[in-house]
Structures are given as structure tokens and as C-alpha cells.
């Protein structure tokens, strides 16, 4: 059975907070598609394409961090306001973990946002503002589920200079506690984000959009 046509979900997935409890998956074969303009099969195919593209971009940054040429030092300073050993180590450690999570993502990791799904993953239902495109339960290091809001469907698939579905997948993966455990002190991948990062280096290295912008931005 192909995961391009069916949702593949491991039936032994458990939550972090309640030993032995089963993870409920809120997806039905006759329910509405996650994105109204495409079938769920098309959605899952796109998510896997974007996962692979995002993983390649993360790997590219890790390669550049290993080389640590002057160009990469400038890039790190641009987004995080620092380029010392500590920031480099934080990026290598966090991006290595993020890459592992991204490569493990399957179609069943992308589910329609639902309050009961949040609870089953060990978090309170999200109270994020209207306009949220996706969210995760940070402590959910067992399943790495990404909850998809309908607004996700309205943003561009890819961009090397703005928020997109591609950057959102990277962004959400940095929230998990086994990657960066990042937060959202500053939303939006724009040309103004570097100035904020340079003024707030301690916050920028833990800001999901700063990390995802550092990964995807085309100089």
C-alpha cells in the first residue's frame, strides 16, 4: 500500500506524558481534505517533496558550518547577531537534530489541526491567533506530529526570501524539544528580520523564523 494514496500511521505510537496511551489520529477517509484546493493524496505528495527540499537546505547549511568560511560567518551574524564558537555549536547541534527529524517525517506526520489532537500529544489546545498556519506540541518527541491549519494552504509552496510551506516545515521542526526547542518571539521571514536578530542575539538563536530564514534565504 503506497503512502502517496493512504495515510501511513504507526499503530503503536504513544504520547510522552501518559505511558501506554495511544495516539488518536483525527483523519477520516470521507472527511474534507486538509487543503481544500487539493486532494489529500496531492497534499501528502507535496509535503514529502518539501520535506526533501528542506532537508537538503538544512544539510547545505551544516556543510557550510563545518567549513566555517568567512561567507558563512557573515551569514550567521546576519541572522543571529553573533558568529562565535557558541553560536556555531548551537547551530550545528540544533540543525543536526532538525535534519534527523525532517528526514523521519512521513505523510502521517502532517495532520489536520484539532484540539483533541493537541491533548493526545500531551499539550493544551493551541491558543495561537487567527492566521496560524501550523503548530506542534514541543514535547512531542515521540511522533513529531505537525498540525496543519487551513491557512497553511494559502501560502506559497516555496520561497527563498519569505514565509512559505517549505519554511514552515523547517520552522515547526525547530520547535520540538529534541531539536532547538525554539519559540516565536519574532514572526515573519522578511528583510527586517536580520536587524531584529542583530539587536537580540540571545533571542534570535531560539527564534524559529530566524533559524528557518538562515536555512532557506538565498543570498
C-alpha atoms as a PDB file:
ATOM      1  CA  UNK A   1       0.000   0.000   0.000  1.00  0.00           C
ATOM      2  CA  UNK A   2       1.526   3.331  -1.085  1.00  0.00           C
ATOM      3  CA  UNK A   3       1.729   6.236   1.356  1.00  0.00           C
ATOM      4  CA  UNK A   4       1.099   8.522  -1.610  1.00  0.00           C
ATOM      5  CA  UNK A   5      -2.506   7.356  -1.617  1.00  0.00           C
ATOM      6  CA  UNK A   6      -3.074   6.389   2.010  1.00  0.00           C
ATOM      7  CA  UNK A   7      -2.029   7.835   5.339  1.00  0.00           C
ATOM      8  CA  UNK A   8       0.602   5.616   6.949  1.00  0.00           C
ATOM      9  CA  UNK A   9       0.333   5.771  10.744  1.00  0.00           C
ATOM     10  CA  UNK A  10       2.188   3.527  13.175  1.00  0.00           C
ATOM     11  CA  UNK A  11      -0.415   1.919  15.436  1.00  0.00           C
ATOM     12  CA  UNK A  12       1.934   1.719  18.420  1.00  0.00           C
ATOM     13  CA  UNK A  13       2.671   5.447  18.722  1.00  0.00           C
ATOM     14  CA  UNK A  14       2.327   6.652  22.310  1.00  0.00           C
ATOM     15  CA  UNK A  15       2.227  10.048  23.960  1.00  0.00           C
ATOM     16  CA  UNK A  16       5.110  11.387  26.032  1.00  0.00           C
ATOM     17  CA  UNK A  17       3.095  12.222  29.095  1.00  0.00           C
ATOM     18  CA  UNK A  18       0.822   9.217  29.569  1.00  0.00           C
ATOM     19  CA  UNK A  19       2.679   5.909  29.383  1.00  0.00           C
ATOM     20  CA  UNK A  20       0.848   3.348  27.286  1.00  0.00           C
ATOM     21  CA  UNK A  21      -1.763   5.736  25.936  1.00  0.00           C
ATOM     22  CA  UNK A  22      -2.495   5.505  22.244  1.00  0.00           C
ATOM     23  CA  UNK A  23      -2.246   8.440  19.878  1.00  0.00           C
ATOM     24  CA  UNK A  24      -5.585   9.168  18.247  1.00  0.00           C
ATOM     25  CA  UNK A  25      -5.345  10.241  14.631  1.00  0.00           C
ATOM     26  CA  UNK A  26      -8.081  12.638  13.606  1.00  0.00           C
ATOM     27  CA  UNK A  27      -8.259  11.870   9.907  1.00  0.00           C
ATOM     28  CA  UNK A  28     -11.057  10.103   8.082  1.00  0.00           C
ATOM     29  CA  UNK A  29     -11.213   8.743   4.570  1.00  0.00           C
ATOM     30  CA  UNK A  30     -14.511  10.533   3.871  1.00  0.00           C
ATOM     31  CA  UNK A  31     -13.689  13.805   5.640  1.00  0.00           C
ATOM     32  CA  UNK A  32     -12.784  17.075   3.954  1.00  0.00           C
ATOM     33  CA  UNK A  33      -9.251  17.350   2.571  1.00  0.00           C
ATOM     34  CA  UNK A  34      -6.647  19.139   4.685  1.00  0.00           C
ATOM     35  CA  UNK A  35      -6.251  21.709   1.897  1.00  0.00           C
ATOM     36  CA  UNK A  36      -9.486  22.477   0.020  1.00  0.00           C
ATOM     37  CA  UNK A  37      -7.768  23.047  -3.325  1.00  0.00           C
ATOM     38  CA  UNK A  38      -6.070  19.645  -3.464  1.00  0.00           C
ATOM     39  CA  UNK A  39      -6.773  16.047  -2.585  1.00  0.00           C
ATOM     40  CA  UNK A  40      -5.102  14.596   0.487  1.00  0.00           C
ATOM     41  CA  UNK A  41      -3.006  12.417  -1.822  1.00  0.00           C
ATOM     42  CA  UNK A  42      -1.764  15.552  -3.591  1.00  0.00           C
ATOM     43  CA  UNK A  43      -1.159  17.235  -0.236  1.00  0.00           C
ATOM     44  CA  UNK A  44       0.894  14.326   1.073  1.00  0.00           C
ATOM     45  CA  UNK A  45       2.951  14.181  -2.127  1.00  0.00           C
ATOM     46  CA  UNK A  46       3.705  17.906  -1.817  1.00  0.00           C
ATOM     47  CA  UNK A  47       4.672  17.559   1.851  1.00  0.00           C
ATOM     48  CA  UNK A  48       7.171  14.840   1.004  1.00  0.00           C
ATOM     49  CA  UNK A  49       8.659  16.946  -1.792  1.00  0.00           C
ATOM     50  CA  UNK A  50       9.006  19.952   0.510  1.00  0.00           C
ATOM     51  CA  UNK A  51      10.408  17.765   3.292  1.00  0.00           C
ATOM     52  CA  UNK A  52      13.154  16.556   0.960  1.00  0.00           C
ATOM     53  CA  UNK A  53      13.924  20.058  -0.307  1.00  0.00           C
ATOM     54  CA  UNK A  54      14.020  21.411   3.238  1.00  0.00           C
ATOM     55  CA  UNK A  55      16.289  18.601   4.412  1.00  0.00           C
ATOM     56  CA  UNK A  56      18.674  19.358   1.545  1.00  0.00           C
ATOM     57  CA  UNK A  57      18.808  23.026   2.590  1.00  0.00           C
ATOM     58  CA  UNK A  58      19.487  22.092   6.222  1.00  0.00           C
ATOM     59  CA  UNK A  59      22.258  19.731   5.097  1.00  0.00           C
ATOM     60  CA  UNK A  60      23.765  22.509   2.972  1.00  0.00           C
ATOM     61  CA  UNK A  61      23.955  24.807   5.993  1.00  0.00           C
ATOM     62  CA  UNK A  62      25.566  22.079   8.083  1.00  0.00           C
ATOM     63  CA  UNK A  63      28.186  21.620   5.376  1.00  0.00           C
ATOM     64  CA  UNK A  64      28.870  25.366   5.341  1.00  0.00           C
ATOM     65  CA  UNK A  65      29.054  25.468   9.145  1.00  0.00           C
ATOM     66  CA  UNK A  66      31.617  22.663   9.066  1.00  0.00           C
ATOM     67  CA  UNK A  67      33.760  24.644   6.616  1.00  0.00           C
ATOM     68  CA  UNK A  68      33.198  27.897   8.563  1.00  0.00           C
ATOM     69  CA  UNK A  69      34.375  30.156   5.756  1.00  0.00           C
ATOM     70  CA  UNK A  70      34.102  33.954   6.086  1.00  0.00           C
ATOM     71  CA  UNK A  71      30.927  33.953   3.965  1.00  0.00           C
ATOM     72  CA  UNK A  72      29.177  31.612   6.400  1.00  0.00           C
ATOM     73  CA  UNK A  73      30.352  33.610   9.392  1.00  0.00           C
ATOM     74  CA  UNK A  74      28.773  36.699   7.831  1.00  0.00           C
ATOM     75  CA  UNK A  75      25.557  34.795   7.158  1.00  0.00           C
ATOM     76  CA  UNK A  76      25.369  33.592  10.768  1.00  0.00           C
ATOM     77  CA  UNK A  77      25.981  37.114  12.070  1.00  0.00           C
ATOM     78  CA  UNK A  78      23.312  38.488   9.723  1.00  0.00           C
ATOM     79  CA  UNK A  79      20.560  36.360  11.250  1.00  0.00           C
ATOM     80  CA  UNK A  80      21.757  35.896  14.827  1.00  0.00           C
ATOM     81  CA  UNK A  81      23.898  38.930  15.657  1.00  0.00           C
ATOM     82  CA  UNK A  82      26.850  36.734  16.663  1.00  0.00           C
ATOM     83  CA  UNK A  83      29.225  34.300  14.995  1.00  0.00           C
ATOM     84  CA  UNK A  84      31.319  32.980  17.849  1.00  0.00           C
ATOM     85  CA  UNK A  85      32.065  29.378  18.778  1.00  0.00           C
ATOM     86  CA  UNK A  86      28.980  29.120  20.978  1.00  0.00           C
ATOM     87  CA  UNK A  87      26.526  30.174  18.269  1.00  0.00           C
ATOM     88  CA  UNK A  88      28.198  27.899  15.724  1.00  0.00           C
ATOM     89  CA  UNK A  89      27.991  24.964  18.133  1.00  0.00           C
ATOM     90  CA  UNK A  90      24.316  25.704  18.845  1.00  0.00           C
ATOM     91  CA  UNK A  91      23.519  25.765  15.133  1.00  0.00           C
ATOM     92  CA  UNK A  92      25.422  22.570  14.359  1.00  0.00           C
ATOM     93  CA  UNK A  93      23.796  20.722  17.253  1.00  0.00           C
ATOM     94  CA  UNK A  94      20.295  22.015  16.571  1.00  0.00           C
ATOM     95  CA  UNK A  95      20.385  21.635  12.802  1.00  0.00           C
ATOM     96  CA  UNK A  96      21.800  18.109  13.041  1.00  0.00           C
ATOM     97  CA  UNK A  97      18.824  17.162  15.218  1.00  0.00           C
ATOM     98  CA  UNK A  98      16.421  19.062  12.957  1.00  0.00           C
ATOM     99  CA  UNK A  99      17.741  17.231   9.906  1.00  0.00           C
ATOM    100  CA  UNK A 100      17.161  13.870  11.586  1.00  0.00           C
ATOM    101  CA  UNK A 101      13.582  14.820  12.439  1.00  0.00           C
ATOM    102  CA  UNK A 102      12.877  16.143   8.946  1.00  0.00           C
ATOM    103  CA  UNK A 103      14.202  13.011   7.294  1.00  0.00           C
ATOM    104  CA  UNK A 104      11.948  10.917   9.532  1.00  0.00           C
ATOM    105  CA  UNK A 105       8.767  12.767   8.567  1.00  0.00           C
ATOM    106  CA  UNK A 106       6.187  10.707   6.693  1.00  0.00           C
ATOM    107  CA  UNK A 107       2.764  11.669   5.304  1.00  0.00           C
ATOM    108  CA  UNK A 108       1.149  10.670   8.597  1.00  0.00           C
ATOM    109  CA  UNK A 109       3.147  13.319  10.475  1.00  0.00           C
ATOM    110  CA  UNK A 110       1.086  16.075   8.825  1.00  0.00           C
ATOM    111  CA  UNK A 111      -2.404  16.098  10.329  1.00  0.00           C
ATOM    112  CA  UNK A 112      -5.332  18.484  10.366  1.00  0.00           C
ATOM    113  CA  UNK A 113      -5.171  20.745  13.424  1.00  0.00           C
ATOM    114  CA  UNK A 114      -7.668  19.719  16.106  1.00  0.00           C
ATOM    115  CA  UNK A 115      -7.869  20.471  19.861  1.00  0.00           C
ATOM    116  CA  UNK A 116      -8.183  16.776  20.678  1.00  0.00           C
ATOM    117  CA  UNK A 117      -5.029  16.064  18.698  1.00  0.00           C
ATOM    118  CA  UNK A 118      -3.145  18.601  20.837  1.00  0.00           C
ATOM    119  CA  UNK A 119      -4.404  16.912  24.004  1.00  0.00           C
ATOM    120  CA  UNK A 120      -3.472  13.438  22.776  1.00  0.00           C
ATOM    121  CA  UNK A 121       0.068  14.671  22.125  1.00  0.00           C
ATOM    122  CA  UNK A 122       0.390  15.980  25.672  1.00  0.00           C
ATOM    123  CA  UNK A 123      -0.299  19.697  25.135  1.00  0.00           C
ATOM    124  CA  UNK A 124      -3.166  22.049  25.823  1.00  0.00           C
ATOM    125  CA  UNK A 125      -5.071  23.064  22.668  1.00  0.00           C
ATOM    126  CA  UNK A 126      -3.250  25.862  20.905  1.00  0.00           C
ATOM    127  CA  UNK A 127      -4.459  29.383  21.596  1.00  0.00           C
ATOM    128  CA  UNK A 128      -2.485  30.929  18.757  1.00  0.00           C
ATOM    129  CA  UNK A 129      -4.013  33.766  16.799  1.00  0.00           C
ATOM    130  CA  UNK A 130      -6.108  33.508  13.673  1.00  0.00           C
ATOM    131  CA  UNK A 131      -3.677  33.266  10.789  1.00  0.00           C
ATOM    132  CA  UNK A 132      -1.581  30.496  12.322  1.00  0.00           C
ATOM    133  CA  UNK A 133      -0.611  28.152   9.504  1.00  0.00           C
ATOM    134  CA  UNK A 134       0.751  25.216  11.534  1.00  0.00           C
ATOM    135  CA  UNK A 135       1.801  24.277  15.039  1.00  0.00           C
ATOM    136  CA  UNK A 136       3.369  21.462  17.013  1.00  0.00           C
ATOM    137  CA  UNK A 137       3.440  20.225  20.587  1.00  0.00           C
ATOM    138  CA  UNK A 138       7.071  20.878  21.516  1.00  0.00           C
ATOM    139  CA  UNK A 139       7.388  17.951  23.969  1.00  0.00           C
ATOM    140  CA  UNK A 140       6.051  15.543  21.312  1.00  0.00           C
ATOM    141  CA  UNK A 141       9.403  13.962  20.548  1.00  0.00           C
ATOM    142  CA  UNK A 142       7.766  10.552  20.075  1.00  0.00           C
ATOM    143  CA  UNK A 143       5.644  11.260  16.986  1.00  0.00           C
ATOM    144  CA  UNK A 144       6.820  14.695  15.745  1.00  0.00           C
ATOM    145  CA  UNK A 145       3.295  15.473  14.593  1.00  0.00           C
ATOM    146  CA  UNK A 146       2.791  18.752  12.701  1.00  0.00           C
ATOM    147  CA  UNK A 147      -0.743  20.154  12.949  1.00  0.00           C
ATOM    148  CA  UNK A 148      -1.827  21.868   9.749  1.00  0.00           C
ATOM    149  CA  UNK A 149      -4.289  24.781   9.744  1.00  0.00           C
ATOM    150  CA  UNK A 150      -6.281  25.708   6.651  1.00  0.00           C
ATOM    151  CA  UNK A 151      -4.294  28.959   6.397  1.00  0.00           C
ATOM    152  CA  UNK A 152      -1.251  26.817   5.565  1.00  0.00           C
ATOM    153  CA  UNK A 153      -2.897  26.016   2.247  1.00  0.00           C
ATOM    154  CA  UNK A 154      -2.996  29.679   1.195  1.00  0.00           C
ATOM    155  CA  UNK A 155       0.728  30.465   1.446  1.00  0.00           C
ATOM    156  CA  UNK A 156       3.232  29.873  -1.368  1.00  0.00           C
ATOM    157  CA  UNK A 157       4.823  26.446  -1.625  1.00  0.00           C
ATOM    158  CA  UNK A 158       8.394  27.731  -1.762  1.00  0.00           C
ATOM    159  CA  UNK A 159      10.353  30.930  -1.369  1.00  0.00           C
ATOM    160  CA  UNK A 160      13.983  31.710  -0.643  1.00  0.00           C
ATOM    161  CA  UNK A 161      13.075  35.125   0.796  1.00  0.00           C
ATOM    162  CA  UNK A 162       9.720  34.824   2.589  1.00  0.00           C
ATOM    163  CA  UNK A 163       7.486  32.557   4.634  1.00  0.00           C
ATOM    164  CA  UNK A 164       6.246  29.540   2.674  1.00  0.00           C
ATOM    165  CA  UNK A 165       5.099  25.974   3.181  1.00  0.00           C
ATOM    166  CA  UNK A 166       8.744  24.911   2.865  1.00  0.00           C
ATOM    167  CA  UNK A 167       9.989  27.341   5.514  1.00  0.00           C
ATOM    168  CA  UNK A 168       7.044  26.435   7.750  1.00  0.00           C
ATOM    169  CA  UNK A 169       8.026  22.757   7.839  1.00  0.00           C
ATOM    170  CA  UNK A 170      11.546  23.731   8.923  1.00  0.00           C
ATOM    171  CA  UNK A 171      10.123  26.292  11.378  1.00  0.00           C
ATOM    172  CA  UNK A 172       7.843  23.746  13.042  1.00  0.00           C
ATOM    173  CA  UNK A 173      10.608  21.148  13.323  1.00  0.00           C
ATOM    174  CA  UNK A 174      12.755  23.629  15.266  1.00  0.00           C
ATOM    175  CA  UNK A 175      10.033  23.844  17.930  1.00  0.00           C
ATOM    176  CA  UNK A 176      10.472  20.230  19.053  1.00  0.00           C
ATOM    177  CA  UNK A 177      12.385  19.864  22.298  1.00  0.00           C
ATOM    178  CA  UNK A 178      14.788  17.373  20.730  1.00  0.00           C
ATOM    179  CA  UNK A 179      15.910  19.908  18.076  1.00  0.00           C
ATOM    180  CA  UNK A 180      16.188  23.580  19.095  1.00  0.00           C
ATOM    181  CA  UNK A 181      13.176  23.846  21.407  1.00  0.00           C
ATOM    182  CA  UNK A 182      12.656  27.176  19.623  1.00  0.00           C
ATOM    183  CA  UNK A 183       9.947  29.705  20.387  1.00  0.00           C
ATOM    184  CA  UNK A 184       8.295  32.503  18.431  1.00  0.00           C
ATOM    185  CA  UNK A 185       9.487  35.830  19.849  1.00  0.00           C
ATOM    186  CA  UNK A 186       9.541  37.266  16.309  1.00  0.00           C
ATOM    187  CA  UNK A 187       7.300  36.055  13.488  1.00  0.00           C
ATOM    188  CA  UNK A 188       7.836  36.505   9.773  1.00  0.00           C
ATOM    189  CA  UNK A 189      10.660  35.894   7.333  1.00  0.00           C
ATOM    190  CA  UNK A 190      11.253  39.352   5.893  1.00  0.00           C
ATOM    191  CA  UNK A 191      14.181  41.651   5.118  1.00  0.00           C
ATOM    192  CA  UNK A 192      13.623  43.231   8.537  1.00  0.00           C
ATOM    193  CA  UNK A 193      14.260  40.021  10.492  1.00  0.00           C
ATOM    194  CA  UNK A 194      18.086  40.300  10.364  1.00  0.00           C
ATOM    195  CA  UNK A 195      18.001  43.717  12.052  1.00  0.00           C
ATOM    196  CA  UNK A 196      15.906  42.259  14.879  1.00  0.00           C
ATOM    197  CA  UNK A 197      18.282  39.300  15.218  1.00  0.00           C
ATOM    198  CA  UNK A 198      21.343  41.527  15.368  1.00  0.00           C
ATOM    199  CA  UNK A 199      19.706  43.545  18.158  1.00  0.00           C
ATOM    200  CA  UNK A 200      18.501  40.445  20.026  1.00  0.00           C
ATOM    201  CA  UNK A 201      21.112  37.684  19.575  1.00  0.00           C
ATOM    202  CA  UNK A 202      20.101  35.708  22.659  1.00  0.00           C
ATOM    203  CA  UNK A 203      16.512  35.550  21.406  1.00  0.00           C
ATOM    204  CA  UNK A 204      17.349  35.045  17.734  1.00  0.00           C
ATOM    205  CA  UNK A 205      19.120  31.709  18.229  1.00  0.00           C
ATOM    206  CA  UNK A 206      15.907  30.417  19.819  1.00  0.00           C
ATOM    207  CA  UNK A 207      13.547  32.053  17.304  1.00  0.00           C
ATOM    208  CA  UNK A 208      12.032  29.561  14.864  1.00  0.00           C
ATOM    209  CA  UNK A 209      11.729  32.022  11.975  1.00  0.00           C
ATOM    210  CA  UNK A 210      15.316  33.235  12.412  1.00  0.00           C
ATOM    211  CA  UNK A 211      16.543  29.645  12.195  1.00  0.00           C
ATOM    212  CA  UNK A 212      14.374  28.770   9.196  1.00  0.00           C
ATOM    213  CA  UNK A 213      15.328  32.036   7.438  1.00  0.00           C
ATOM    214  CA  UNK A 214      19.015  31.271   7.998  1.00  0.00           C
ATOM    215  CA  UNK A 215      18.421  27.914   6.320  1.00  0.00           C
ATOM    216  CA  UNK A 216      16.324  28.962   3.321  1.00  0.00           C
ATOM    217  CA  UNK A 217      17.485  32.503   2.496  1.00  0.00           C
ATOM    218  CA  UNK A 218      19.159  32.923  -0.897  1.00  0.00           C
ATOM    219  CA  UNK A 219      21.958  35.489  -0.611  1.00  0.00           C
END
